[in-house]
């Protein structure tokens, strides 16, 4: 298994595509107040949804709604955090920039 990760450059791919994906999500953050914070590394990302960026009030209902809509589009995601307002994105290591564009 680790041979495949090394031989197919999957760790490098995760870094490259993850950086690209983070940049695209940062653009979305500028357009949508509900995105309070975007954090993560490589292909393991978390989107903190808030009702108000100043008070950091969790947007739990909205996070659940978005996760369900993503699932309808074939994108598996989940919620996490004490208020279940953080959308977790963790695609497989073979995830590409084209996949990232589809999910933004």
Protein backbone atom coordinates (compact mmCIF):
# COMPACT_ATOMS: atom_id res chain seq x y z
CA UNK A 1 0.00 0.00 0.00
CA UNK A 2 2.70 2.52 0.91
CA UNK A 3 4.52 1.55 -2.29
CA UNK A 4 1.52 2.75 -4.30
CA UNK A 5 1.46 6.08 -2.44
CA UNK A 6 5.16 6.57 -3.19
CA UNK A 7 5.22 5.18 -6.75
CA UNK A 8 2.17 7.11 -7.92
CA UNK A 9 3.18 10.36 -6.21
CA UNK A 10 -0.03 10.52 -4.22
CA UNK A 11 1.43 12.48 -1.34
CA UNK A 12 2.71 15.15 -3.75
CA UNK A 13 -0.68 15.12 -5.50
CA UNK A 14 -2.49 15.67 -2.19
CA UNK A 15 -0.32 18.71 -1.42
CA UNK A 16 -0.62 20.20 -4.93
CA UNK A 17 -4.35 19.64 -5.34
CA UNK A 18 -5.04 20.60 -1.71
CA UNK A 19 -3.32 23.96 -2.19
CA UNK A 20 -5.32 24.54 -5.38
CA UNK A 21 -8.54 23.56 -3.62
CA UNK A 22 -7.82 25.84 -0.65
CA UNK A 23 -7.28 28.78 -3.02
CA UNK A 24 -10.63 28.14 -4.70
CA UNK A 25 -12.39 27.84 -1.37
CA UNK A 26 -10.74 31.07 -0.19
CA UNK A 27 -12.31 32.79 -3.21
CA UNK A 28 -15.70 31.42 -2.12
CA UNK A 29 -15.06 32.66 1.40
CA UNK A 30 -14.73 36.21 0.08
CA UNK A 31 -18.16 35.92 -1.57
CA UNK A 32 -20.10 34.10 1.17
CA UNK A 33 -20.27 35.35 4.76
CA UNK A 34 -21.28 31.90 5.97
CA UNK A 35 -17.72 30.63 5.46
CA UNK A 36 -16.09 31.65 8.70
CA UNK A 37 -12.83 29.75 8.44
CA UNK A 38 -11.21 27.29 6.08
CA UNK A 39 -8.49 25.10 7.51
CA UNK A 40 -6.66 21.91 6.82
CA UNK A 41 -3.75 20.39 5.02
CA UNK A 42 -3.48 18.53 1.76
CA UNK A 43 -6.82 16.94 0.97
CA UNK A 44 -8.15 17.00 4.53
CA UNK A 45 -10.07 20.26 4.87
CA UNK A 46 -12.63 21.77 7.22
CA UNK A 47 -15.05 24.57 6.39
CA UNK A 48 -16.35 26.36 9.47
CA UNK A 49 -19.86 27.62 8.76
CA UNK A 50 -21.07 30.54 10.86
CA UNK A 51 -24.20 32.66 10.93
CA UNK A 52 -22.11 35.68 11.84
CA UNK A 53 -18.35 36.03 11.35
CA UNK A 54 -18.05 38.47 14.25
CA UNK A 55 -19.84 36.37 16.87
CA UNK A 56 -18.83 33.02 15.32
CA UNK A 57 -22.38 31.74 15.87
CA UNK A 58 -22.46 28.21 14.39
CA UNK A 59 -24.49 27.63 11.23
CA UNK A 60 -25.47 24.06 12.08
CA UNK A 61 -28.64 23.83 9.98
CA UNK A 62 -26.89 25.29 6.96
CA UNK A 63 -23.94 22.90 7.31
CA UNK A 64 -26.29 19.91 7.35
CA UNK A 65 -28.15 21.26 4.32
CA UNK A 66 -24.92 21.76 2.35
CA UNK A 67 -23.59 18.30 3.23
CA UNK A 68 -26.84 16.74 2.01
CA UNK A 69 -26.74 18.73 -1.27
CA UNK A 70 -23.11 17.71 -1.81
CA UNK A 71 -24.07 14.08 -1.27
CA UNK A 72 -26.78 14.44 -3.95
CA UNK A 73 -24.03 15.58 -6.34
CA UNK A 74 -21.87 12.57 -5.48
CA UNK A 75 -19.54 14.41 -3.11
CA UNK A 76 -19.14 12.70 0.25
CA UNK A 77 -18.71 15.10 3.15
CA UNK A 78 -19.68 15.18 6.78
CA UNK A 79 -20.07 17.59 9.66
CA UNK A 80 -17.92 17.78 12.75
CA UNK A 81 -17.22 20.01 15.71
CA UNK A 82 -19.16 20.53 18.92
CA UNK A 83 -21.99 22.22 16.98
CA UNK A 84 -21.71 20.10 13.82
CA UNK A 85 -21.10 23.24 11.77
CA UNK A 86 -17.72 22.27 10.33
CA UNK A 87 -17.94 20.55 6.95
CA UNK A 88 -15.21 17.94 6.63
CA UNK A 89 -13.84 17.26 3.17
CA UNK A 90 -11.53 14.28 2.82
CA UNK A 91 -11.45 12.87 -0.68
CA UNK A 92 -9.24 9.98 -1.82
CA UNK A 93 -5.58 10.64 -2.63
CA UNK A 94 -6.29 10.36 -6.36
CA UNK A 95 -8.45 13.53 -6.18
CA UNK A 96 -7.54 15.92 -9.01
CA UNK A 97 -7.80 19.65 -9.71
CA UNK A 98 -10.77 18.87 -11.98
CA UNK A 99 -12.47 17.19 -9.02
CA UNK A 100 -11.73 20.24 -6.88
CA UNK A 101 -13.30 22.55 -9.48
CA UNK A 102 -16.42 20.36 -9.51
CA UNK A 103 -16.76 20.63 -5.73
CA UNK A 104 -16.29 24.40 -5.46
